């Protein structure tokens, strides 16, 4: 009887021991599974977070490189291509590639690749996607730009981004890249201080501006372009006198403008000669008198204000050169004591000015990228020689 009880006890003990072994095995499997899951979450937190850091580094590098390369589409001293003809794609591409190397990712200096920099025309209205080799047809507005891809993959920039915990799961590295597109456009708006307080008519500007090729018309003979105008230099942009609308026709005149104020006095205009427009301005339509003035309108001053011409001469190319190159608003008409719609922003070179009985400013059209860049500019405008700073569109 006792032997029977002993056998039963031994059997129960064996079953209990097996059960405990099974439980320990199940726990081990569960722990292994949970550790794998936790490792996965750790990899997700650490490696994905690191990828975001690297992605931002690459995007910053791409943005900076595109913004550095786009200005070189036009001849500029800083680009070393002042003798080139726009668009100078080769210099813009080279500058973009070089600028990539001014940035780092994971404390490693990045390398730019010519094959990763493309150029062409970008439709700033968004109706045509991607860079185009030629300007897209209207209503699209194609502006010249560069696109750069900064990548860490394959043999470029050390290959993919190395992982940490994700290596356990078989992910040794992850390819990553960033894209940026920067363009140079004609300004549709400008910031404070960008404009000189002289309004010119579109009629006058069109006489001396080659709108087809976006550059000043050049003299083909030494003959003055009109009565009372100066002799010319063959092959150079036309020089011409602009005077008050009280002393010349609409295609030979300009008028003092005070932007968003109607203050009619010499000190106000003189201050604007020195400091420019006090508030941002923008182009608008239709041309003519503004029925409801806003930032697309500029106030046309009455009178000639003869003493102001000496102030202009003092800062012109003949003086301190502070106002040698300026941007001016282009309007349809010079209706004094009214607000006129701004149609465009133009760049002019002021040679000098004369008051007294002469009352004129001598100037010429300009499209010098080093001198005609509008501060605080944006939007889309008409090409009258002024430029917006390079801006990112992607």
Foldseek 3Di string as FASTA:
>chain_A
DVVVVVVVVVVVVVVVVVVVVVVVVVVVVVVVVVVVVVLVVVLCVPVVVLVVQQQVQQQVLQAQLFLQLALQLAQDVVLVRVVDDHRPVVSSLVSSQVSSQVGDGPPHRFGGDSVQKDWAWDFLVPPDDDHDNYADDPPTGTFIKMKGKGWADDPGPPHFAATDSCVVVVDGGDIHMHMWMKGKAFFQKFFWQAAQQKEAAPLQLVVFADQVRLWGDFDCAQDAPDPPFHGHDGPHGHKGKEFDVVVDPRNRYMFGWQQPDQDADDVSNLVCNVRNHGGMAGADDDWDFDPDDDRQWIAGADDGSQVCQQSQQCCALNHVVVPQKHKHFYGNGRDHRTITGGQHIFIKGFHGGDGDPPGITMIGGAQHSHRQEGHRGDDHHRRRNHMHRMDIPD
